[in-house]
Every structure is written in structure tokens, then in C-alpha cells.
């Protein structure tokens, strides 16, 4: 849905979400349009929350074969 609204392919959106690629400024503008927010609002929210420590990522356990 976000991909459609922002004019970006869903696989590209997924790669951004997984941290595999970094979006360009133009892509950030498209994403903000798709979300219905001004980019400045998104950045302000990010700055507000960036002082919080990042969430801990769970590590996957390897299976013994």
C-alpha cells in the first residue's frame, strides 16, 4: 500500500525497511507524500525519538543439524 501511494515498488520499500538500502532525499519525499506527512514532521519525530536507545534486536539461534 505504501509503495502504491508513494509510487515506489513494494520490494524497494521492503529493502528500505530491512535496512538493505538507504533511500535518497527524493525517495524520502515520495515516502512522506505516501504517508501523508510533511518530511519535516517525520524528521522532527525521528529527532525526538533518536535520543531513546535503539530497540534490541533478537538474534536467531542456529539449529544443530
PDB file of N, CA and C in Angstrom:
ATOM      1  N   UNK A   1       0.809  -1.180   0.000  1.00  0.00           N
ATOM      2  CA  UNK A   1       0.000   0.000   0.000  1.00  0.00           C
ATOM      3  C   UNK A   1       0.864   1.260   0.000  1.00  0.00           C
ATOM      4  N   UNK A   2       1.896   1.308   0.856  1.00  0.00           N
ATOM      5  CA  UNK A   2       2.770   2.478   0.881  1.00  0.00           C
ATOM      6  C   UNK A   2       3.494   2.626  -0.446  1.00  0.00           C
ATOM      7  N   UNK A   3       3.923   1.513  -1.013  1.00  0.00           N
ATOM      8  CA  UNK A   3       4.579   1.564  -2.306  1.00  0.00           C
ATOM      9  C   UNK A   3       3.687   2.175  -3.371  1.00  0.00           C
ATOM     10  N   UNK A   4       2.450   1.780  -3.398  1.00  0.00           N
ATOM     11  CA  UNK A   4       1.490   2.310  -4.370  1.00  0.00           C
ATOM     12  C   UNK A   4       1.275   3.804  -4.155  1.00  0.00           C
ATOM     13  N   UNK A   5       1.056   4.184  -2.901  1.00  0.00           N
ATOM     14  CA  UNK A   5       0.793   5.584  -2.589  1.00  0.00           C
ATOM     15  C   UNK A   5       1.983   6.485  -2.881  1.00  0.00           C
ATOM     16  N   UNK A   6       3.178   5.952  -2.707  1.00  0.00           N
ATOM     17  CA  UNK A   6       4.375   6.772  -2.904  1.00  0.00           C
ATOM     18  C   UNK A   6       4.970   6.619  -4.302  1.00  0.00           C
ATOM     19  N   UNK A   7       4.450   5.687  -5.086  1.00  0.00           N
ATOM     20  CA  UNK A   7       4.965   5.490  -6.437  1.00  0.00           C
ATOM     21  C   UNK A   7       6.260   4.701  -6.470  1.00  0.00           C
ATOM     22  N   UNK A   8       6.479   3.887  -5.448  1.00  0.00           N
ATOM     23  CA  UNK A   8       7.693   3.069  -5.359  1.00  0.00           C
ATOM     24  C   UNK A   8       7.301   1.594  -5.334  1.00  0.00           C
ATOM     25  N   UNK A   9       8.187   0.751  -5.837  1.00  0.00           N
ATOM     26  CA  UNK A   9       7.895  -0.685  -5.866  1.00  0.00           C
ATOM     27  C   UNK A   9       7.918  -1.253  -4.453  1.00  0.00           C
ATOM     28  N   UNK A  10       7.034  -2.206  -4.190  1.00  0.00           N
ATOM     29  CA  UNK A  10       6.942  -2.787  -2.848  1.00  0.00           C
ATOM     30  C   UNK A  10       8.227  -3.468  -2.418  1.00  0.00           C
ATOM     31  N   UNK A  11       8.971  -4.039  -3.346  1.00  0.00           N
ATOM     32  CA  UNK A  11      10.254  -4.656  -2.990  1.00  0.00           C
ATOM     33  C   UNK A  11      11.264  -3.610  -2.541  1.00  0.00           C
ATOM     34  N   UNK A  12      11.202  -2.441  -3.162  1.00  0.00           N
ATOM     35  CA  UNK A  12      12.089  -1.347  -2.773  1.00  0.00           C
ATOM     36  C   UNK A  12      11.753  -0.876  -1.358  1.00  0.00           C
ATOM     37  N   UNK A  13      10.455  -0.760  -1.064  1.00  0.00           N
ATOM     38  CA  UNK A  13      10.013  -0.380   0.284  1.00  0.00           C
ATOM     39  C   UNK A  13      10.512  -1.405   1.300  1.00  0.00           C
ATOM     40  N   UNK A  14      10.373  -2.670   0.968  1.00  0.00           N
ATOM     41  CA  UNK A  14      10.828  -3.735   1.871  1.00  0.00           C
ATOM     42  C   UNK A  14      12.316  -3.679   2.126  1.00  0.00           C
ATOM     43  N   UNK A  15      13.104  -3.382   1.096  1.00  0.00           N
ATOM     44  CA  UNK A  15      14.555  -3.287   1.260  1.00  0.00           C
ATOM     45  C   UNK A  15      14.918  -2.123   2.175  1.00  0.00           C
ATOM     46  N   UNK A  16      14.177  -1.031   2.095  1.00  0.00           N
ATOM     47  CA  UNK A  16      14.409   0.101   2.997  1.00  0.00           C
ATOM     48  C   UNK A  16      14.080  -0.310   4.424  1.00  0.00           C
ATOM     49  N   UNK A  17      12.940  -0.974   4.607  1.00  0.00           N
ATOM     50  CA  UNK A  17      12.514  -1.405   5.944  1.00  0.00           C
ATOM     51  C   UNK A  17      13.520  -2.350   6.582  1.00  0.00           C
ATOM     52  N   UNK A  18      14.121  -3.206   5.779  1.00  0.00           N
ATOM     53  CA  UNK A  18      15.094  -4.170   6.301  1.00  0.00           C
ATOM     54  C   UNK A  18      16.482  -3.563   6.462  1.00  0.00           C
ATOM     55  N   UNK A  19      16.667  -2.322   6.035  1.00  0.00           N
ATOM     56  CA  UNK A  19      17.961  -1.670   6.165  1.00  0.00           C
ATOM     57  C   UNK A  19      18.970  -2.117   5.127  1.00  0.00           C
ATOM     58  N   UNK A  20      18.502  -2.715   4.047  1.00  0.00           N
ATOM     59  CA  UNK A  20      19.399  -3.195   2.997  1.00  0.00           C
ATOM     60  C   UNK A  20      19.873  -2.060   2.097  1.00  0.00           C
ATOM     61  N   UNK A  21      19.044  -1.021   1.966  1.00  0.00           N
ATOM     62  CA  UNK A  21      19.408   0.142   1.161  1.00  0.00           C
ATOM     63  C   UNK A  21      19.018   1.405   1.911  1.00  0.00           C
ATOM     64  N   UNK A  22      19.681   2.495   1.571  1.00  0.00           N
ATOM     65  CA  UNK A  22      19.361   3.797   2.147  1.00  0.00           C
ATOM     66  C   UNK A  22      18.654   4.629   1.096  1.00  0.00           C
ATOM     67  N   UNK A  23      17.503   5.181   1.444  1.00  0.00           N
ATOM     68  CA  UNK A  23      16.762   5.981   0.456  1.00  0.00           C
ATOM     69  C   UNK A  23      17.431   7.324   0.200  1.00  0.00           C
ATOM     70  N   UNK A  24      17.292   7.807  -1.017  1.00  0.00           N
ATOM     71  CA  UNK A  24      17.785   9.136  -1.364  1.00  0.00           C
ATOM     72  C   UNK A  24      16.792  10.176  -0.848  1.00  0.00           C
ATOM     73  N   UNK A  25      17.174  11.436  -0.941  1.00  0.00           N
ATOM     74  CA  UNK A  25      16.294  12.512  -0.498  1.00  0.00           C
ATOM     75  C   UNK A  25      14.996  12.506  -1.305  1.00  0.00           C
ATOM     76  N   UNK A  26      15.100  12.279  -2.597  1.00  0.00           N
ATOM     77  CA  UNK A  26      13.898  12.229  -3.439  1.00  0.00           C
ATOM     78  C   UNK A  26      12.960  11.101  -3.007  1.00  0.00           C
ATOM     79  N   UNK A  27      13.531   9.975  -2.656  1.00  0.00           N
ATOM     80  CA  UNK A  27      12.712   8.848  -2.195  1.00  0.00           C
ATOM     81  C   UNK A  27      12.062   9.190  -0.858  1.00  0.00           C
ATOM     82  N   UNK A  28      12.785   9.865   0.022  1.00  0.00           N
ATOM     83  CA  UNK A  28      12.195  10.278   1.297  1.00  0.00           C
ATOM     84  C   UNK A  28      10.991  11.190   1.078  1.00  0.00           C
ATOM     85  N   UNK A  29      11.084  12.072   0.099  1.00  0.00           N
ATOM     86  CA  UNK A  29       9.959  12.948  -0.214  1.00  0.00           C
ATOM     87  C   UNK A  29       8.774  12.134  -0.718  1.00  0.00           C
ATOM     88  N   UNK A  30       9.038  11.145  -1.594  1.00  0.00           N
ATOM     89  CA  UNK A  30       7.958  10.289  -2.086  1.00  0.00           C
ATOM     90  C   UNK A  30       7.316   9.503  -0.946  1.00  0.00           C
ATOM     91  N   UNK A  31       8.132   9.002  -0.035  1.00  0.00           N
ATOM     92  CA  UNK A  31       7.610   8.255   1.104  1.00  0.00           C
ATOM     93  C   UNK A  31       6.754   9.153   1.998  1.00  0.00           C
ATOM     94  N   UNK A  32       7.204  10.369   2.236  1.00  0.00           N
ATOM     95  CA  UNK A  32       6.424  11.273   3.081  1.00  0.00           C
ATOM     96  C   UNK A  32       5.092  11.614   2.416  1.00  0.00           C
ATOM     97  N   UNK A  33       5.098  11.781   1.095  1.00  0.00           N
ATOM     98  CA  UNK A  33       3.843  12.015   0.374  1.00  0.00           C
ATOM     99  C   UNK A  33       2.912  10.811   0.517  1.00  0.00           C
ATOM    100  N   UNK A  34       3.482   9.613   0.382  1.00  0.00           N
ATOM    101  CA  UNK A  34       2.688   8.399   0.505  1.00  0.00           C
ATOM    102  C   UNK A  34       2.116   8.206   1.898  1.00  0.00           C
ATOM    103  N   UNK A  35       2.849   8.668   2.905  1.00  0.00           N
ATOM    104  CA  UNK A  35       2.386   8.559   4.283  1.00  0.00           C
ATOM    105  C   UNK A  35       1.411   9.672   4.656  1.00  0.00           C
ATOM    106  N   UNK A  36       1.400  10.731   3.858  1.00  0.00           N
ATOM    107  CA  UNK A  36       0.506  11.849   4.143  1.00  0.00           C
ATOM    108  C   UNK A  36       1.040  12.820   5.175  1.00  0.00           C
ATOM    109  N   UNK A  37       2.362  12.874   5.324  1.00  0.00           N
ATOM    110  CA  UNK A  37       3.005  13.793   6.258  1.00  0.00           C
ATOM    111  C   UNK A  37       4.037  14.621   5.522  1.00  0.00           C
ATOM    112  N   UNK A  38       4.332  15.785   6.074  1.00  0.00           N
ATOM    113  CA  UNK A  38       5.453  16.573   5.562  1.00  0.00           C
ATOM    114  C   UNK A  38       6.746  15.898   6.013  1.00  0.00           C
ATOM    115  N   UNK A  39       7.762  15.956   5.172  1.00  0.00           N
ATOM    116  CA  UNK A  39       9.052  15.359   5.530  1.00  0.00           C
ATOM    117  C   UNK A  39       9.593  15.994   6.811  1.00  0.00           C
ATOM    118  N   UNK A  40       9.364  17.271   6.993  1.00  0.00           N
ATOM    119  CA  UNK A  40       9.838  17.947   8.208  1.00  0.00           C
ATOM    120  C   UNK A  40       9.192  17.362   9.461  1.00  0.00           C
ATOM    121  N   UNK A  41       7.920  16.961   9.374  1.00  0.00           N
ATOM    122  CA  UNK A  41       7.242  16.338  10.514  1.00  0.00           C
ATOM    123  C   UNK A  41       7.870  14.991  10.848  1.00  0.00           C
ATOM    124  N   UNK A  42       8.184  14.225   9.818  1.00  0.00           N
ATOM    125  CA  UNK A  42       8.804  12.911  10.029  1.00  0.00           C
ATOM    126  C   UNK A  42      10.180  13.072  10.655  1.00  0.00           C
ATOM    127  N   UNK A  43      10.944  14.043  10.154  1.00  0.00           N
ATOM    128  CA  UNK A  43      12.294  14.267  10.686  1.00  0.00           C
ATOM    129  C   UNK A  43      12.234  14.751  12.136  1.00  0.00           C
ATOM    130  N   UNK A  44      11.269  15.607  12.456  1.00  0.00           N
ATOM    131  CA  UNK A  44      11.122  16.092  13.833  1.00  0.00           C
ATOM    132  C   UNK A  44      10.800  14.936  14.776  1.00  0.00           C
ATOM    133  N   UNK A  45       9.926  14.048  14.338  1.00  0.00           N
ATOM    134  CA  UNK A  45       9.594  12.885  15.153  1.00  0.00           C
ATOM    135  C   UNK A  45      10.808  11.990  15.331  1.00  0.00           C
ATOM    136  N   UNK A  46      11.574  11.802  14.267  1.00  0.00           N
ATOM    137  CA  UNK A  46      12.787  10.984  14.355  1.00  0.00           C
ATOM    138  C   UNK A  46      13.779  11.600  15.336  1.00  0.00           C
ATOM    139  N   UNK A  47      13.976  12.911  15.254  1.00  0.00           N
ATOM    140  CA  UNK A  47      14.899  13.576  16.172  1.00  0.00           C
ATOM    141  C   UNK A  47      14.430  13.442  17.618  1.00  0.00           C
ATOM    142  N   UNK A  48      13.143  13.538  17.820  1.00  0.00           N
ATOM    143  CA  UNK A  48      12.577  13.404  19.161  1.00  0.00           C
ATOM    144  C   UNK A  48      12.845  12.006  19.721  1.00  0.00           C
ATOM    145  N   UNK A  49      12.695  11.013  18.875  1.00  0.00           N
ATOM    146  CA  UNK A  49      12.854   9.631  19.336  1.00  0.00           C
ATOM    147  C   UNK A  49      14.292   9.131  19.265  1.00  0.00           C
ATOM    148  N   UNK A  50      15.161   9.829  18.562  1.00  0.00           N
ATOM    149  CA  UNK A  50      16.533   9.339  18.402  1.00  0.00           C
ATOM    150  C   UNK A  50      17.323   9.415  19.691  1.00  0.00           C
ATOM    151  N   UNK A  51      16.844  10.175  20.666  1.00  0.00           N
ATOM    152  CA  UNK A  51      17.540  10.232  21.951  1.00  0.00           C
ATOM    153  C   UNK A  51      17.300   8.958  22.756  1.00  0.00           C
ATOM    154  N   UNK A  52      16.252   8.219  22.400  1.00  0.00           N
ATOM    155  CA  UNK A  52      15.985   6.938  23.057  1.00  0.00           C
ATOM    156  C   UNK A  52      16.945   5.893  22.527  1.00  0.00           C
ATOM    157  N   UNK A  53      17.362   4.961  23.366  1.00  0.00           N
ATOM    158  CA  UNK A  53      18.231   3.889  22.860  1.00  0.00           C
ATOM    159  C   UNK A  53      17.495   3.032  21.834  1.00  0.00           C
ATOM    160  N   UNK A  54      18.202   2.516  20.847  1.00  0.00           N
ATOM    161  CA  UNK A  54      17.543   1.689  19.831  1.00  0.00           C
ATOM    162  C   UNK A  54      17.033   0.390  20.442  1.00  0.00           C
ATOM    163  N   UNK A  55      15.969  -0.165  19.873  1.00  0.00           N
ATOM    164  CA  UNK A  55      15.445  -1.427  20.407  1.00  0.00           C
ATOM    165  C   UNK A  55      16.445  -2.552  20.184  1.00  0.00           C
ATOM    166  N   UNK A  56      16.468  -3.495  21.101  1.00  0.00           N
ATOM    167  CA  UNK A  56      17.383  -4.635  20.975  1.00  0.00           C
ATOM    168  C   UNK A  56      16.867  -5.579  19.916  1.00  0.00           C
ATOM    169  N   UNK A  57      17.765  -6.034  19.085  1.00  0.00           N
ATOM    170  CA  UNK A  57      17.383  -6.988  18.044  1.00  0.00           C
ATOM    171  C   UNK A  57      17.602  -8.385  18.575  1.00  0.00           C
ATOM    172  N   UNK A  58      16.649  -9.240  18.290  1.00  0.00           N
ATOM    173  CA  UNK A  58      16.765 -10.631  18.716  1.00  0.00           C
ATOM    174  C   UNK A  58      17.648 -11.375  17.732  1.00  0.00           C
ATOM    175  N   UNK A  59      18.535 -12.153  18.252  1.00  0.00           N
ATOM    176  CA  UNK A  59      19.401 -12.964  17.399  1.00  0.00           C
ATOM    177  C   UNK A  59      18.747 -14.301  17.152  1.00  0.00           C
ATOM    178  N   UNK A  60      18.921 -14.760  15.946  1.00  0.00           N
ATOM    179  CA  UNK A  60      18.386 -16.078  15.614  1.00  0.00           C
ATOM    180  C   UNK A  60      19.369 -17.136  16.061  1.00  0.00           C
ATOM    181  N   UNK A  61      18.836 -18.167  16.623  1.00  0.00           N
ATOM    182  CA  UNK A  61      19.692 -19.276  17.053  1.00  0.00           C
ATOM    183  C   UNK A  61      19.924 -20.207  15.890  1.00  0.00           C
ATOM    184  N   UNK A  62      21.127 -20.699  15.817  1.00  0.00           N
ATOM    185  CA  UNK A  62      21.428 -21.680  14.769  1.00  0.00           C
ATOM    186  C   UNK A  62      20.964 -23.050  15.215  1.00  0.00           C
ATOM    187  N   UNK A  63      20.425 -23.756  14.254  1.00  0.00           N
ATOM    188  CA  UNK A  63      19.986 -25.121  14.561  1.00  0.00           C
ATOM    189  C   UNK A  63      21.161 -26.072  14.416  1.00  0.00           C
ATOM    190  N   UNK A  64      21.205 -27.014  15.296  1.00  0.00           N
ATOM    191  CA  UNK A  64      22.206 -28.080  15.182  1.00  0.00           C
ATOM    192  C   UNK A  64      21.660 -29.129  14.221  1.00  0.00           C
ATOM    193  N   UNK A  65      22.363 -29.365  13.141  1.00  0.00           N
ATOM    194  CA  UNK A  65      21.882 -30.338  12.153  1.00  0.00           C
ATOM    195  C   UNK A  65      22.264 -31.741  12.504  1.00  0.00           C
TER     196      UNK A  65
END
